[in-house]
């Protein structure tokens, strides 16, 4: 099983849309586990049709396990996840890591959605990660926390004496291509971060909000030019993610 962590300490950057569509995409190809570590539970609500009996917080205890319920299994968020920040020390992080490793034969890929903070839950996810993808907004403040994010990846790896996970890149995930200003900012972003930029984007599209509301991927919505464009875009993103991680296939 390969584990992908999606993280950014800034909220409102399109994490839920990215992880939910990643879960749907990979589950049509692989046995997929999605773990929601954000107590707000937006991802859990979107993927409610695929919830496991066990919740994400159970993975911070020794022997925690998420039982598959189909090709897509979701370990949902609950409000008590916030208590992990007060109670989980090194033992909780190590339990999470060990529990993820123990499920390696149950799933082919695991996607972990993290809270918008560099907190214990994020560190636990990083300790378990094979790869990290960081959604960012294309705006004046989108890179404010990037240095902290990269330092967190390095810091967790150094502290626990493990190799660093593969950094797949910064992915603009709510990019409004109709905005002249955002197009200018995108060019500036590309110049500033260079090779740290993921080779793909997720544009700001109404159909993504509709998909979340209906609990289905955009390619399951009635066919239209908008849904076809979104399907092509999101399949390209996760096809590239799969190739970079050595899982799945690009259709």
Protein backbone atom coordinates (compact mmCIF):
# COMPACT_ATOMS: atom_id res chain seq x y z
CA UNK A 1 0.00 0.00 0.00
CA UNK A 2 1.19 3.50 -0.86
CA UNK A 3 0.13 6.42 1.33
CA UNK A 4 -0.48 9.94 0.01
CA UNK A 5 -0.84 12.83 2.46
CA UNK A 6 -2.61 15.98 1.28
CA UNK A 7 -1.68 18.92 3.47
CA UNK A 8 -1.52 22.67 3.85
CA UNK A 9 -1.69 24.58 7.12
CA UNK A 10 -3.92 27.15 5.39
CA UNK A 11 -7.62 26.36 5.01
CA UNK A 12 -9.78 27.10 1.99
CA UNK A 13 -7.31 25.79 -0.59
CA UNK A 14 -9.48 23.02 -2.08
CA UNK A 15 -8.21 20.08 -0.01
CA UNK A 16 -11.60 18.41 0.35
CA UNK A 17 -12.34 18.51 -3.38
CA UNK A 18 -8.88 17.16 -4.17
CA UNK A 19 -8.97 14.27 -1.68
CA UNK A 20 -12.56 13.26 -2.43
CA UNK A 21 -11.90 13.08 -6.15
CA UNK A 22 -8.64 11.26 -5.48
CA UNK A 23 -10.59 8.70 -3.48
CA UNK A 24 -13.18 8.26 -6.23
CA UNK A 25 -10.54 8.13 -8.96
CA UNK A 26 -8.34 5.50 -7.34
CA UNK A 27 -11.25 3.39 -6.07
CA UNK A 28 -12.26 2.72 -9.68
CA UNK A 29 -8.82 1.17 -10.17
CA UNK A 30 -7.50 0.10 -6.74
CA UNK A 31 -8.57 -0.84 -3.22
CA UNK A 32 -8.63 2.62 -1.68
CA UNK A 33 -8.65 3.90 1.89
CA UNK A 34 -9.37 7.56 2.66
CA UNK A 35 -8.69 8.90 6.16
CA UNK A 36 -10.19 12.23 7.26
CA UNK A 37 -8.11 13.79 10.05
CA UNK A 38 -9.84 17.19 9.87
CA UNK A 39 -12.45 17.38 12.65
CA UNK A 40 -14.57 19.73 10.53
CA UNK A 41 -15.58 16.59 8.62
CA UNK A 42 -16.28 18.12 5.21
CA UNK A 43 -14.59 15.21 3.46
CA UNK A 44 -16.47 12.74 5.63
CA UNK A 45 -19.77 14.34 4.61
CA UNK A 46 -18.85 14.24 0.92
CA UNK A 47 -17.86 10.56 1.07
CA UNK A 48 -20.59 9.53 3.52
CA UNK A 49 -21.76 6.67 1.27
CA UNK A 50 -18.45 4.87 1.86
CA UNK A 51 -17.93 5.21 5.60
CA UNK A 52 -16.33 2.37 7.56
CA UNK A 53 -17.67 1.33 10.95
CA UNK A 54 -14.45 2.56 12.56
CA UNK A 55 -13.50 6.25 12.63
CA UNK A 56 -10.17 7.94 12.06
CA UNK A 57 -9.51 8.71 15.73
CA UNK A 58 -9.26 4.95 16.47
CA UNK A 59 -6.00 4.86 14.49
CA UNK A 60 -4.23 6.79 17.26
CA UNK A 61 -4.67 3.83 19.62
CA UNK A 62 -2.64 0.60 19.44
CA UNK A 63 -4.30 -2.00 17.23
CA UNK A 64 -6.61 0.45 15.48
CA UNK A 65 -7.82 -0.85 12.13
CA UNK A 66 -10.22 0.26 9.40
CA UNK A 67 -12.23 -2.65 7.97
CA UNK A 68 -12.83 -2.41 4.19
CA UNK A 69 -16.42 -1.83 3.09
CA UNK A 70 -15.79 -1.90 -0.66
CA UNK A 71 -13.36 -0.56 -3.24
CA UNK A 72 -13.55 2.79 -1.42
CA UNK A 73 -13.42 2.82 2.37
CA UNK A 74 -13.51 6.03 4.39
CA UNK A 75 -12.35 6.45 7.98
CA UNK A 76 -14.50 9.41 8.93
CA UNK A 77 -13.68 12.40 11.08
CA UNK A 78 -15.37 13.02 14.42
CA UNK A 79 -15.18 15.96 16.78
CA UNK A 80 -13.04 13.98 19.22
CA UNK A 81 -10.17 14.14 16.74
CA UNK A 82 -9.35 17.54 18.21
CA UNK A 83 -8.57 15.81 21.51
CA UNK A 84 -5.61 14.11 19.78
CA UNK A 85 -3.84 17.46 19.99
CA UNK A 86 -4.06 17.40 23.80
CA UNK A 87 -3.57 13.69 24.46
CA UNK A 88 -1.49 12.17 21.64
CA UNK A 89 2.22 12.34 22.26
CA UNK A 90 4.87 10.23 20.54
CA UNK A 91 3.03 7.01 21.36
CA UNK A 92 -0.09 8.20 19.51
CA UNK A 93 1.90 9.16 16.43
CA UNK A 94 3.71 5.84 16.42
CA UNK A 95 0.44 3.95 16.90
CA UNK A 96 -1.00 5.74 13.86
CA UNK A 97 2.08 4.87 11.80
CA UNK A 98 2.01 1.25 12.89
CA UNK A 99 -1.72 0.92 12.24
CA UNK A 100 -1.33 2.28 8.71
CA UNK A 101 1.50 -0.19 8.06
CA UNK A 102 -0.59 -3.07 9.45
CA UNK A 103 -3.30 -2.44 6.83
CA UNK A 104 -0.88 -2.76 3.91
CA UNK A 105 -2.47 -5.99 2.69
CA UNK A 106 -6.03 -4.60 2.88
CA UNK A 107 -5.59 -1.65 0.53
CA UNK A 108 -3.50 -0.59 -2.46
CA UNK A 109 -3.51 3.15 -1.75
CA UNK A 110 -4.35 5.35 1.23
CA UNK A 111 -5.15 9.06 1.00
CA UNK A 112 -4.97 11.12 4.19
CA UNK A 113 -6.65 14.52 4.53
CA UNK A 114 -5.03 16.62 7.26
CA UNK A 115 -6.32 19.55 9.33
CA UNK A 116 -5.31 23.10 8.32
CA UNK A 117 -2.58 23.19 10.96
CA UNK A 118 0.86 21.75 11.62
CA UNK A 119 -0.40 19.65 14.51
CA UNK A 120 -0.06 16.14 15.91
CA UNK A 121 -2.49 14.69 13.37
CA UNK A 122 -0.49 16.21 10.53
CA UNK A 123 2.77 14.92 11.99
CA UNK A 124 1.26 11.43 12.35
CA UNK A 125 0.19 11.52 8.71
CA UNK A 126 3.66 12.62 7.63
CA UNK A 127 5.22 9.83 9.66
CA UNK A 128 3.14 7.38 7.60
CA UNK A 129 3.51 9.06 4.21
CA UNK A 130 5.09 7.73 1.05
CA UNK A 131 4.24 10.97 -0.78
CA UNK A 132 2.91 14.45 -0.02
CA UNK A 133 0.79 16.74 -2.21
CA UNK A 134 0.16 20.34 -1.15
CA UNK A 135 -2.81 22.24 -2.61
CA UNK A 136 -2.36 26.01 -2.72
CA UNK A 137 -4.49 28.96 -3.75
CA UNK A 138 -3.27 31.23 -6.54
CA UNK A 139 -3.31 34.46 -4.59
CA UNK A 140 -1.04 36.91 -2.86
CA UNK A 141 -0.84 34.80 0.32
CA UNK A 142 -0.77 31.31 -1.14
CA UNK A 143 2.91 30.74 -0.39
CA UNK A 144 2.96 32.22 3.10
CA UNK A 145 3.11 28.81 4.79
CA UNK A 146 5.04 26.83 2.18
CA UNK A 147 8.38 27.14 3.98
CA UNK A 148 6.77 25.89 7.20
CA UNK A 149 5.14 23.01 5.33
CA UNK A 150 8.41 21.87 3.77
CA UNK A 151 10.20 22.25 7.10
CA UNK A 152 7.54 20.09 8.79
CA UNK A 153 8.12 17.32 6.25
CA UNK A 154 11.85 17.43 6.85
CA UNK A 155 11.48 17.83 10.62
CA UNK A 156 9.25 14.81 11.13
CA UNK A 157 11.52 12.65 9.00
CA UNK A 158 14.62 13.79 10.86
CA UNK A 159 13.06 13.42 14.32
CA UNK A 160 11.88 9.87 13.68
CA UNK A 161 14.96 8.98 11.63
CA UNK A 162 13.07 7.92 8.52
CA UNK A 163 13.55 8.85 4.88
CA UNK A 164 11.58 11.84 3.65
CA UNK A 165 8.38 11.13 1.73
CA UNK A 166 8.31 12.03 -1.94
CA UNK A 167 7.11 15.62 -2.36
CA UNK A 168 4.85 15.61 -5.40
CA UNK A 169 4.55 19.38 -5.47
CA UNK A 170 2.38 22.41 -4.86
CA UNK A 171 -0.85 22.11 -6.84
CA UNK A 172 -2.98 25.20 -7.57
CA UNK A 173 -6.37 23.80 -6.61
CA UNK A 174 -8.86 26.67 -6.84
CA UNK A 175 -7.38 28.46 -9.84
CA UNK A 176 -9.75 30.87 -11.63
CA UNK A 177 -8.38 30.94 -15.16
CA UNK A 178 -10.96 33.59 -16.15
CA UNK A 179 -9.32 36.06 -13.79
CA UNK A 180 -6.56 38.15 -15.37
CA UNK A 181 -5.06 38.73 -11.95
CA UNK A 182 -4.97 35.02 -11.11
CA UNK A 183 -3.36 34.23 -14.45
CA UNK A 184 -0.68 36.78 -13.65
CA UNK A 185 -0.27 35.35 -10.15
CA UNK A 186 0.01 31.83 -11.57
CA UNK A 187 2.91 32.92 -13.78
CA UNK A 188 4.56 34.55 -10.76
CA UNK A 189 3.95 31.41 -8.69
CA UNK A 190 5.58 29.22 -11.33
CA UNK A 191 8.60 31.52 -11.46
CA UNK A 192 8.89 31.61 -7.67
CA UNK A 193 8.63 27.93 -6.83
CA UNK A 194 9.99 26.39 -10.03
CA UNK A 195 10.27 22.62 -9.72
CA UNK A 196 8.16 22.59 -6.56
CA UNK A 197 5.07 23.19 -8.69
CA UNK A 198 3.01 20.09 -9.48
CA UNK A 199 2.53 19.49 -13.25
CA UNK A 200 -1.22 20.11 -13.22
CA UNK A 201 -3.97 22.28 -11.74
CA UNK A 202 -7.52 22.02 -10.44
CA UNK A 203 -9.50 25.00 -11.66
CA UNK A 204 -12.24 26.78 -9.77
CA UNK A 205 -15.40 25.19 -11.22
CA UNK A 206 -19.03 25.16 -10.11
CA UNK A 207 -19.34 21.49 -11.03
CA UNK A 208 -16.93 20.52 -8.25
CA UNK A 209 -19.24 22.11 -5.68
CA UNK A 210 -22.18 20.31 -7.25
CA UNK A 211 -20.30 17.01 -7.14
CA UNK A 212 -19.52 17.48 -3.44
CA UNK A 213 -23.13 18.29 -2.69
CA UNK A 214 -24.37 15.16 -4.47
CA UNK A 215 -21.59 12.94 -3.11
CA UNK A 216 -20.42 11.80 -6.55
CA UNK A 217 -17.37 12.55 -8.72
CA UNK A 218 -17.79 15.07 -11.53
CA UNK A 219 -17.70 12.30 -14.13
CA UNK A 220 -20.88 10.82 -12.61
CA UNK A 221 -22.81 14.06 -13.10
CA UNK A 222 -24.92 14.49 -16.27
CA UNK A 223 -22.60 14.96 -19.24
CA UNK A 224 -21.88 18.53 -20.30
CA UNK A 225 -18.94 20.56 -21.52
CA UNK A 226 -18.26 21.64 -17.93
CA UNK A 227 -18.26 18.11 -16.49
CA UNK A 228 -16.16 16.80 -19.37
CA UNK A 229 -13.56 19.53 -18.79
CA UNK A 230 -13.49 18.81 -15.05
CA UNK A 231 -13.22 15.06 -15.64
CA UNK A 232 -10.29 15.53 -18.02
CA UNK A 233 -8.59 17.88 -15.58
CA UNK A 234 -8.97 15.76 -12.44
CA UNK A 235 -8.14 12.49 -14.22
CA UNK A 236 -4.96 14.09 -15.52
CA UNK A 237 -3.99 15.21 -12.00
CA UNK A 238 -4.49 11.80 -10.41
CA UNK A 239 -3.10 9.95 -13.39
CA UNK A 240 0.09 11.94 -12.82
CA UNK A 241 -0.04 11.30 -9.06
CA UNK A 242 -0.42 7.57 -9.74
CA UNK A 243 2.53 7.55 -12.11
CA UNK A 244 4.71 9.49 -9.67
CA UNK A 245 3.82 7.11 -6.83
CA UNK A 246 3.92 3.97 -8.97
CA UNK A 247 0.25 3.04 -8.50
CA UNK A 248 -2.84 2.89 -10.71
CA UNK A 249 -2.90 3.89 -14.33
CA UNK A 250 -3.54 7.01 -16.37
CA UNK A 251 -6.69 6.53 -18.47
